[in-house]
Amino acid sequence: MGLQQATVVSSQGTYVLKNVPVNATLVFSYMGFTTEKIPVNRRAAIDVTLKEDRAQLEQVVVVGYGTRKRSDVTGSVSSIPASRFTKLPVTNVLQAMQGVVAGVNIAAGSNAPGRVASFNIRGLKSITASNNPLIVLDGAPFGGSFNDIPTSDIASVDILKDVSATAIYGARGANGVVIITTKRGKTGKPAISYSGYVGVENRGNVMEPMSPAQYVQKYADYAAQSGISNPR
């Protein structure tokens, strides 16, 4: 059996190992960096520079404005499938979210062009202050409205519904957080896609106005029922 020793590198990058066999192999490891295995070969000092492991960094990082594994998030998270933004004739994100996520209340107060529906997560939390959730667009806080984000550019939408989001986003996440990730270009041959929607609208009930004679007869019948003589 081989002899195993362990030590921790100081903040200055120095370390010390005692009674190391001449044929031993030193293993250097650190989270987010590639592991290096270096034979001692009778050397008294060995300097090592670790290289970043980009695959590990992509899996580990994300505290703050970004993404993280669903298993690492302690609060309630809801996701909206990207297909909902492409298969439905919606004009903004809220229309695609409506009726999909539990605990999310979306109400359109007006149909005026450019008007944004009222949106809150798990009820109202303040009487005088804003109840709007924090919007994080591609890793940064977004100060605009949902009407400013084209639905065709959206790749995914995740909603943090618990107050635990304040541990990451601070007080701005007290009303919940909506994390929106847009599509990105890919290497390779260029591809062009088109998405269109066509609909036909018909009136359910066509109203036909009465003729002048019918109007006269209508009021004559009303007068006769009310006991009025000579309505004309």
C-alpha atoms as a PDB file:
ATOM      1  CA  MET A   1       0.000   0.000   0.000  1.00  0.00           C
ATOM      2  CA  GLY A   2       1.238   3.465  -0.855  1.00  0.00           C
ATOM      3  CA  LEU A   3       1.712   6.268   1.616  1.00  0.00           C
ATOM      4  CA  GLN A   4      -0.840   9.080   1.286  1.00  0.00           C
ATOM      5  CA  GLN A   5      -0.328  12.569   2.656  1.00  0.00           C
ATOM      6  CA  ALA A   6      -2.398  15.713   2.277  1.00  0.00           C
ATOM      7  CA  THR A   7      -1.734  19.386   2.797  1.00  0.00           C
ATOM      8  CA  VAL A   8      -3.419  22.707   2.082  1.00  0.00           C
ATOM      9  CA  VAL A   9      -1.835  25.495   0.088  1.00  0.00           C
ATOM     10  CA  SER A  10      -1.559  28.804   1.930  1.00  0.00           C
ATOM     11  CA  SER A  11      -2.899  32.127   0.643  1.00  0.00           C
ATOM     12  CA  GLN A  12       0.587  32.860  -0.726  1.00  0.00           C
ATOM     13  CA  GLY A  13       0.570  29.627  -2.719  1.00  0.00           C
ATOM     14  CA  THR A  14       3.136  27.760  -0.596  1.00  0.00           C
ATOM     15  CA  TYR A  15       2.866  24.253   0.789  1.00  0.00           C
ATOM     16  CA  VAL A  16       5.071  21.799   2.723  1.00  0.00           C
ATOM     17  CA  LEU A  17       5.160  17.985   2.695  1.00  0.00           C
ATOM     18  CA  LYS A  18       7.535  15.992   4.896  1.00  0.00           C
ATOM     19  CA  ASN A  19       9.049  12.535   4.419  1.00  0.00           C
ATOM     20  CA  VAL A  20       7.936  12.212   0.818  1.00  0.00           C
ATOM     21  CA  PRO A  21       9.232   9.078  -0.979  1.00  0.00           C
ATOM     22  CA  VAL A  22      11.432   9.719  -4.007  1.00  0.00           C
ATOM     23  CA  ASN A  23       9.058   7.765  -6.263  1.00  0.00           C
ATOM     24  CA  ALA A  24       5.899   9.514  -5.015  1.00  0.00           C
ATOM     25  CA  THR A  25       3.439  11.425  -7.187  1.00  0.00           C
ATOM     26  CA  LEU A  26       1.931  14.709  -6.043  1.00  0.00           C
ATOM     27  CA  VAL A  27      -1.701  15.414  -6.937  1.00  0.00           C
ATOM     28  CA  PHE A  28      -2.760  19.081  -7.088  1.00  0.00           C
ATOM     29  CA  SER A  29      -6.482  19.829  -7.229  1.00  0.00           C
ATOM     30  CA  TYR A  30      -8.737  22.819  -6.738  1.00  0.00           C
ATOM     31  CA  MET A  31     -12.416  23.381  -7.496  1.00  0.00           C
ATOM     32  CA  GLY A  32     -12.856  24.833 -10.960  1.00  0.00           C
ATOM     33  CA  PHE A  33      -9.354  23.846 -12.118  1.00  0.00           C
ATOM     34  CA  THR A  34      -7.906  20.756 -13.776  1.00  0.00           C
ATOM     35  CA  THR A  35      -6.142  18.225 -11.551  1.00  0.00           C
ATOM     36  CA  GLU A  36      -2.373  17.883 -12.081  1.00  0.00           C
ATOM     37  CA  LYS A  37      -0.336  14.773 -11.209  1.00  0.00           C
ATOM     38  CA  ILE A  38       3.426  15.396 -11.011  1.00  0.00           C
ATOM     39  CA  PRO A  39       6.130  12.844 -10.028  1.00  0.00           C
ATOM     40  CA  VAL A  40       8.572  14.000  -7.359  1.00  0.00           C
ATOM     41  CA  ASN A  41      11.736  12.540  -8.977  1.00  0.00           C
ATOM     42  CA  ARG A  42      13.931  13.486  -6.011  1.00  0.00           C
ATOM     43  CA  ARG A  43      13.035  17.195  -6.309  1.00  0.00           C
ATOM     44  CA  ALA A  44      12.879  19.332  -3.173  1.00  0.00           C
ATOM     45  CA  ALA A  45      10.611  22.048  -4.626  1.00  0.00           C
ATOM     46  CA  ILE A  46       7.813  21.680  -7.148  1.00  0.00           C
ATOM     47  CA  ASP A  47       5.913  24.679  -8.515  1.00  0.00           C
ATOM     48  CA  VAL A  48       2.594  24.108 -10.252  1.00  0.00           C
ATOM     49  CA  THR A  49       0.169  26.388 -12.070  1.00  0.00           C
ATOM     50  CA  LEU A  50      -3.313  24.914 -12.461  1.00  0.00           C
ATOM     51  CA  LYS A  51      -5.399  25.575 -15.538  1.00  0.00           C
ATOM     52  CA  GLU A  52      -9.071  26.493 -15.478  1.00  0.00           C
ATOM     53  CA  ASP A  53     -11.488  23.670 -16.137  1.00  0.00           C
ATOM     54  CA  ARG A  54     -14.175  25.443 -18.148  1.00  0.00           C
ATOM     55  CA  ALA A  55     -16.524  22.454 -18.025  1.00  0.00           C
ATOM     56  CA  GLN A  56     -16.452  22.485 -14.236  1.00  0.00           C
ATOM     57  CA  LEU A  57     -16.821  26.244 -14.058  1.00  0.00           C
ATOM     58  CA  GLU A  58     -19.964  26.134 -16.163  1.00  0.00           C
ATOM     59  CA  GLN A  59     -21.475  23.535 -13.826  1.00  0.00           C
ATOM     60  CA  VAL A  60     -20.461  25.151 -10.536  1.00  0.00           C
ATOM     61  CA  VAL A  61     -20.844  28.889 -10.983  1.00  0.00           C
ATOM     62  CA  VAL A  62     -23.932  30.854 -10.552  1.00  0.00           C
ATOM     63  CA  VAL A  63     -24.730  32.815  -7.560  1.00  0.00           C
ATOM     64  CA  GLY A  64     -26.338  36.067  -8.488  1.00  0.00           C
ATOM     65  CA  TYR A  65     -27.651  37.112 -11.856  1.00  0.00           C
ATOM     66  CA  GLY A  66     -27.333  33.917 -13.838  1.00  0.00           C
ATOM     67  CA  THR A  67     -28.282  30.261 -14.044  1.00  0.00           C
ATOM     68  CA  ARG A  68     -27.826  27.377 -11.653  1.00  0.00           C
ATOM     69  CA  LYS A  69     -28.888  23.758 -11.332  1.00  0.00           C
ATOM     70  CA  ARG A  70     -32.475  23.209 -10.288  1.00  0.00           C
ATOM     71  CA  SER A  71     -31.304  20.786  -7.580  1.00  0.00           C
ATOM     72  CA  ASP A  72     -29.192  23.540  -6.013  1.00  0.00           C
ATOM     73  CA  VAL A  73     -32.070  25.994  -5.678  1.00  0.00           C
ATOM     74  CA  THR A  74     -33.834  25.695  -2.324  1.00  0.00           C
ATOM     75  CA  GLY A  75     -36.869  27.774  -3.280  1.00  0.00           C
ATOM     76  CA  SER A  76     -39.751  27.031  -5.611  1.00  0.00           C
ATOM     77  CA  VAL A  77     -38.857  27.309  -9.300  1.00  0.00           C
ATOM     78  CA  SER A  78     -41.231  27.139 -12.258  1.00  0.00           C
ATOM     79  CA  SER A  79     -40.188  26.910 -15.891  1.00  0.00           C
ATOM     80  CA  ILE A  80     -42.108  27.760 -19.036  1.00  0.00           C
ATOM     81  CA  PRO A  81     -41.345  25.616 -22.098  1.00  0.00           C
ATOM     82  CA  ALA A  82     -39.868  27.468 -25.053  1.00  0.00           C
ATOM     83  CA  SER A  83     -42.435  25.856 -27.363  1.00  0.00           C
ATOM     84  CA  ARG A  84     -45.163  27.968 -25.748  1.00  0.00           C
ATOM     85  CA  PHE A  85     -43.605  31.128 -27.186  1.00  0.00           C
ATOM     86  CA  THR A  86     -43.460  29.732 -30.711  1.00  0.00           C
ATOM     87  CA  LYS A  87     -46.746  27.835 -30.984  1.00  0.00           C
ATOM     88  CA  LEU A  88     -49.030  30.490 -29.506  1.00  0.00           C
ATOM     89  CA  PRO A  89     -49.884  33.811 -31.185  1.00  0.00           C
ATOM     90  CA  VAL A  90     -48.719  35.886 -28.208  1.00  0.00           C
ATOM     91  CA  THR A  91     -47.293  39.399 -28.346  1.00  0.00           C
ATOM     92  CA  ASN A  92     -45.498  39.502 -24.990  1.00  0.00           C
ATOM     93  CA  VAL A  93     -44.118  37.210 -22.311  1.00  0.00           C
ATOM     94  CA  LEU A  94     -47.031  37.644 -19.912  1.00  0.00           C
ATOM     95  CA  GLN A  95     -49.542  36.286 -22.410  1.00  0.00           C
ATOM     96  CA  ALA A  96     -47.514  33.088 -22.708  1.00  0.00           C
ATOM     97  CA  MET A  97     -47.169  32.804 -18.922  1.00  0.00           C
ATOM     98  CA  GLN A  98     -50.843  33.351 -18.187  1.00  0.00           C
ATOM     99  CA  GLY A  99     -52.543  30.258 -16.792  1.00  0.00           C
ATOM    100  CA  VAL A 100     -49.378  28.139 -16.894  1.00  0.00           C
ATOM    101  CA  VAL A 101     -47.514  28.789 -13.645  1.00  0.00           C
ATOM    102  CA  ALA A 102     -49.166  28.178 -10.266  1.00  0.00           C
ATOM    103  CA  GLY A 103     -49.047  31.122  -7.903  1.00  0.00           C
ATOM    104  CA  VAL A 104     -48.516  33.676 -10.665  1.00  0.00           C
ATOM    105  CA  ASN A 105     -51.361  36.180 -11.067  1.00  0.00           C
ATOM    106  CA  ILE A 106     -51.644  37.984 -14.393  1.00  0.00           C
ATOM    107  CA  ALA A 107     -54.572  40.288 -15.105  1.00  0.00           C
ATOM    108  CA  ALA A 108     -55.003  42.493 -18.151  1.00  0.00           C
ATOM    109  CA  GLY A 109     -56.597  45.701 -16.901  1.00  0.00           C
ATOM    110  CA  SER A 110     -56.805  47.298 -20.335  1.00  0.00           C
ATOM    111  CA  ASN A 111     -56.582  46.273 -23.983  1.00  0.00           C
ATOM    112  CA  ALA A 112     -55.003  49.570 -25.008  1.00  0.00           C
ATOM    113  CA  PRO A 113     -51.931  49.181 -27.260  1.00  0.00           C
ATOM    114  CA  GLY A 114     -48.700  49.080 -25.261  1.00  0.00           C
ATOM    115  CA  ARG A 115     -50.441  48.505 -21.942  1.00  0.00           C
ATOM    116  CA  VAL A 116     -48.732  45.899 -19.728  1.00  0.00           C
ATOM    117  CA  ALA A 117     -50.876  43.553 -17.646  1.00  0.00           C
ATOM    118  CA  SER A 118     -50.569  43.588 -13.869  1.00  0.00           C
ATOM    119  CA  PHE A 119     -48.282  40.819 -12.703  1.00  0.00           C
ATOM    120  CA  ASN A 120     -47.490  39.538  -9.229  1.00  0.00           C
ATOM    121  CA  ILE A 121     -46.162  36.314  -7.753  1.00  0.00           C
ATOM    122  CA  ARG A 122     -48.094  34.743  -4.871  1.00  0.00           C
ATOM    123  CA  GLY A 123     -50.242  37.763  -4.141  1.00  0.00           C
ATOM    124  CA  LEU A 124     -49.639  41.380  -3.190  1.00  0.00           C
ATOM    125  CA  LYS A 125     -46.914  42.020  -0.648  1.00  0.00           C
ATOM    126  CA  SER A 126     -47.136  45.803  -0.303  1.00  0.00           C
ATOM    127  CA  ILE A 127     -49.904  48.393  -0.228  1.00  0.00           C
ATOM    128  CA  THR A 128     -47.990  51.448  -1.414  1.00  0.00           C
ATOM    129  CA  ALA A 129     -44.773  50.061  -2.943  1.00  0.00           C
ATOM    130  CA  SER A 130     -44.438  48.174  -6.218  1.00  0.00           C
ATOM    131  CA  ASN A 131     -45.394  44.494  -6.319  1.00  0.00           C
ATOM    132  CA  ASN A 132     -43.682  43.847  -9.640  1.00  0.00           C
ATOM    133  CA  PRO A 133     -41.112  41.020  -9.654  1.00  0.00           C
ATOM    134  CA  LEU A 134     -37.501  41.549 -10.628  1.00  0.00           C
ATOM    135  CA  ILE A 135     -36.767  40.815 -14.286  1.00  0.00           C
ATOM    136  CA  VAL A 136     -33.330  39.347 -15.021  1.00  0.00           C
ATOM    137  CA  LEU A 137     -32.588  39.314 -18.752  1.00  0.00           C
ATOM    138  CA  ASP A 138     -29.533  37.338 -19.857  1.00  0.00           C
ATOM    139  CA  GLY A 139     -27.912  37.631 -16.454  1.00  0.00           C
ATOM    140  CA  ALA A 140     -28.519  41.336 -15.808  1.00  0.00           C
ATOM    141  CA  PRO A 141     -31.400  43.272 -14.203  1.00  0.00           C
ATOM    142  CA  PHE A 142     -33.800  44.598 -16.824  1.00  0.00           C
ATOM    143  CA  GLY A 143     -35.434  47.957 -16.269  1.00  0.00           C
ATOM    144  CA  GLY A 144     -37.917  47.848 -19.155  1.00  0.00           C
ATOM    145  CA  SER A 145     -41.286  46.144 -19.457  1.00  0.00           C
ATOM    146  CA  PHE A 146     -42.280  42.761 -20.820  1.00  0.00           C
ATOM    147  CA  ASN A 147     -43.442  44.455 -24.027  1.00  0.00           C
ATOM    148  CA  ASP A 148     -39.802  45.304 -24.780  1.00  0.00           C
ATOM    149  CA  ILE A 149     -38.779  41.625 -25.002  1.00  0.00           C
ATOM    150  CA  PRO A 150     -39.715  39.913 -28.302  1.00  0.00           C
ATOM    151  CA  THR A 151     -41.184  36.483 -27.649  1.00  0.00           C
ATOM    152  CA  SER A 152     -39.445  35.052 -30.717  1.00  0.00           C
ATOM    153  CA  ASP A 153     -36.055  35.788 -29.095  1.00  0.00           C
ATOM    154  CA  ILE A 154     -36.796  33.951 -25.834  1.00  0.00           C
ATOM    155  CA  ALA A 155     -35.100  30.604 -25.204  1.00  0.00           C
ATOM    156  CA  SER A 156     -36.318  29.943 -21.657  1.00  0.00           C
ATOM    157  CA  VAL A 157     -38.142  31.548 -18.723  1.00  0.00           C
ATOM    158  CA  ASP A 158     -37.679  30.521 -15.091  1.00  0.00           C
ATOM    159  CA  ILE A 159     -39.600  32.012 -12.176  1.00  0.00           C
ATOM    160  CA  LEU A 160     -38.264  32.067  -8.606  1.00  0.00           C
ATOM    161  CA  LYS A 161     -41.380  32.330  -6.478  1.00  0.00           C
ATOM    162  CA  ASP A 162     -40.068  32.086  -2.914  1.00  0.00           C
ATOM    163  CA  VAL A 163     -38.709  34.871  -0.730  1.00  0.00           C
ATOM    164  CA  SER A 164     -35.466  32.878  -0.610  1.00  0.00           C
ATOM    165  CA  ALA A 165     -34.600  34.628  -3.885  1.00  0.00           C
ATOM    166  CA  THR A 166     -33.610  37.628  -1.757  1.00  0.00           C
ATOM    167  CA  ALA A 167     -30.554  35.653  -0.633  1.00  0.00           C
ATOM    168  CA  ILE A 168     -29.252  35.934  -4.198  1.00  0.00           C
ATOM    169  CA  TYR A 169     -30.842  39.088  -5.570  1.00  0.00           C
ATOM    170  CA  GLY A 170     -31.292  41.128  -2.406  1.00  0.00           C
ATOM    171  CA  ALA A 171     -34.367  43.162  -1.569  1.00  0.00           C
ATOM    172  CA  ARG A 172     -35.209  43.559  -5.255  1.00  0.00           C
ATOM    173  CA  GLY A 173     -36.097  39.863  -5.359  1.00  0.00           C
ATOM    174  CA  ALA A 174     -38.639  40.079  -2.523  1.00  0.00           C
ATOM    175  CA  ASN A 175     -41.525  40.068  -5.023  1.00  0.00           C
ATOM    176  CA  GLY A 176     -40.091  37.119  -6.944  1.00  0.00           C
ATOM    177  CA  VAL A 177     -37.676  36.905  -9.853  1.00  0.00           C
ATOM    178  CA  VAL A 178     -38.336  36.222 -13.536  1.00  0.00           C
ATOM    179  CA  ILE A 179     -35.178  34.954 -15.259  1.00  0.00           C
ATOM    180  CA  ILE A 180     -35.381  35.277 -19.047  1.00  0.00           C
ATOM    181  CA  THR A 181     -32.723  33.830 -21.334  1.00  0.00           C
ATOM    182  CA  THR A 182     -32.693  34.807 -24.994  1.00  0.00           C
ATOM    183  CA  LYS A 183     -31.464  32.787 -27.926  1.00  0.00           C
ATOM    184  CA  ARG A 184     -27.824  32.827 -28.969  1.00  0.00           C
ATOM    185  CA  GLY A 185     -26.062  32.314 -32.248  1.00  0.00           C
ATOM    186  CA  LYS A 186     -24.400  28.970 -32.914  1.00  0.00           C
ATOM    187  CA  THR A 187     -21.259  28.091 -34.812  1.00  0.00           C
ATOM    188  CA  GLY A 188     -21.625  26.372 -38.158  1.00  0.00           C
ATOM    189  CA  LYS A 189     -23.606  27.014 -41.287  1.00  0.00           C
ATOM    190  CA  PRO A 190     -26.105  29.883 -41.179  1.00  0.00           C
ATOM    191  CA  ALA A 191     -29.746  28.858 -40.935  1.00  0.00           C
ATOM    192  CA  ILE A 192     -32.804  30.948 -41.718  1.00  0.00           C
ATOM    193  CA  SER A 193     -36.177  30.115 -40.212  1.00  0.00           C
ATOM    194  CA  TYR A 194     -39.582  31.689 -40.571  1.00  0.00           C
ATOM    195  CA  SER A 195     -42.522  31.525 -38.217  1.00  0.00           C
ATOM    196  CA  GLY A 196     -45.932  32.839 -39.184  1.00  0.00           C
ATOM    197  CA  TYR A 197     -49.477  32.772 -37.895  1.00  0.00           C
ATOM    198  CA  VAL A 198     -52.688  33.204 -39.862  1.00  0.00           C
ATOM    199  CA  GLY A 199     -56.151  33.398 -38.398  1.00  0.00           C
ATOM    200  CA  VAL A 200     -59.652  34.099 -39.665  1.00  0.00           C
ATOM    201  CA  GLU A 201     -62.213  35.971 -37.617  1.00  0.00           C
ATOM    202  CA  ASN A 202     -65.943  35.959 -38.350  1.00  0.00           C
ATOM    203  CA  ARG A 203     -68.813  37.711 -36.610  1.00  0.00           C
ATOM    204  CA  GLY A 204     -70.791  35.265 -34.559  1.00  0.00           C
ATOM    205  CA  ASN A 205     -74.078  37.161 -34.907  1.00  0.00           C
ATOM    206  CA  VAL A 206     -74.858  39.594 -37.700  1.00  0.00           C
ATOM    207  CA  MET A 207     -77.423  42.141 -36.552  1.00  0.00           C
ATOM    208  CA  GLU A 208     -79.843  43.435 -39.166  1.00  0.00           C
ATOM    209  CA  PRO A 209     -81.515  46.810 -38.439  1.00  0.00           C
ATOM    210  CA  MET A 210     -85.288  47.178 -38.750  1.00  0.00           C
ATOM    211  CA  SER A 211     -86.907  49.101 -41.579  1.00  0.00           C
ATOM    212  CA  PRO A 212     -88.742  52.411 -40.937  1.00  0.00           C
ATOM    213  CA  ALA A 213     -92.113  50.636 -41.126  1.00  0.00           C
ATOM    214  CA  GLN A 214     -90.976  48.076 -38.572  1.00  0.00           C
ATOM    215  CA  TYR A 215     -89.840  50.859 -36.185  1.00  0.00           C
ATOM    216  CA  VAL A 216     -93.284  52.527 -36.492  1.00  0.00           C
ATOM    217  CA  GLN A 217     -95.070  49.236 -35.857  1.00  0.00           C
ATOM    218  CA  LYS A 218     -92.803  48.545 -32.857  1.00  0.00           C
ATOM    219  CA  TYR A 219     -93.726  51.816 -31.115  1.00  0.00           C
ATOM    220  CA  ALA A 220     -97.377  51.408 -32.061  1.00  0.00           C
ATOM    221  CA  ASP A 221     -97.439  47.997 -30.368  1.00  0.00           C
ATOM    222  CA  TYR A 222     -95.668  49.485 -27.323  1.00  0.00           C
ATOM    223  CA  ALA A 223     -98.215  52.308 -27.123  1.00  0.00           C
ATOM    224  CA  ALA A 224    -101.125  49.901 -27.422  1.00  0.00           C
ATOM    225  CA  GLN A 225     -99.766  47.817 -24.562  1.00  0.00           C
ATOM    226  CA  SER A 226     -99.264  50.949 -22.419  1.00  0.00           C
ATOM    227  CA  GLY A 227    -102.757  52.333 -23.142  1.00  0.00           C
ATOM    228  CA  ILE A 228    -101.539  55.370 -25.121  1.00  0.00           C
ATOM    229  CA  SER A 229    -103.948  56.469 -27.847  1.00  0.00           C
ATOM    230  CA  ASN A 230    -102.752  57.739 -31.231  1.00  0.00           C
ATOM    231  CA  PRO A 231     -98.986  57.278 -30.717  1.00  0.00           C
ATOM    232  CA  ARG A 232     -98.359  58.899 -34.096  1.00  0.00           C
END
